[in-house]
Amino acid sequence: MGLQERKLREFSRREHEILAASIRLFDADDWQSVTVEEIADLAEVGKGTVYKHFSSKEDIYARLTLDFYEALLEELARVDLNRPADAVFKQSIEVALWYHYKNPAYRRVTQYCKRGDFKKRISAELLQQFRDCDEEFKGKALEMLKVCVETGVIPNGPYQQMLYGITTTFEGAVNILWNGECLGDGLVVEDYIHAISAFIMSGLKGSGFEQGNP
């Protein structure tokens, strides 16, 4: 291994340690009061080292969120596509819900990064990365919707309206999972996730959307 490669690996390792320390500190109600010094201390690096990797805390927020959704895309890529379209769609919803449920430490920072005022403050490069990420998720959902329509699983209709319904239901379910509300009445998480995916699919199959061109 050459000197340059070793330096790159060391740089990557330190960045990973900074991000790991950050998400641990951000998993608390007072997460926005966490300082760069505290992140550096937990990561066992100097404050200057943090700034070599990230220009601000908001850059750290953005990187954590983008990494979170990139990992989710990798999970979705493992869904078996060699099955009926509605089964693929339903499993994809469940995979995404389970992924969120198993990573509650990200709930504050990912919600924060969805805010319009946050996106106004980040660099053009980061903003484009968020847009690209959004488009990739939207593209996957649209592709599954189109296959479901083409195979007659769900009726034809305006795809954008379908996406609104899916997104709203999914985001609400994620908030409930992350807040632990679904456990209050004795409902287990697995049953809740199955119920949400079934609800979304039944809504699409019995779509009340006006028929016509998407």
Foldseek 3Di string as FASTA:
>chain_A
DDPVVVVVVVLVVLVVLLLVLLLVQCQDPPSVPDDLCSSCVSSVHDSVSVCVVPVDVLSSLLVNLLVLLVVLVVQLVPQDPPDQLLVNQLVNLLSNLVSLLVCLSNVVSNVVCVDPVSLVPDDPVSNVSVVVSVVVVVVVQVVSVVSCCVVVVFPAADVVVLVVVLVVLSVVSSVCSSVVVCPPVPDDPVNSSSVSSVVSSVCRRVPPHDHDHD
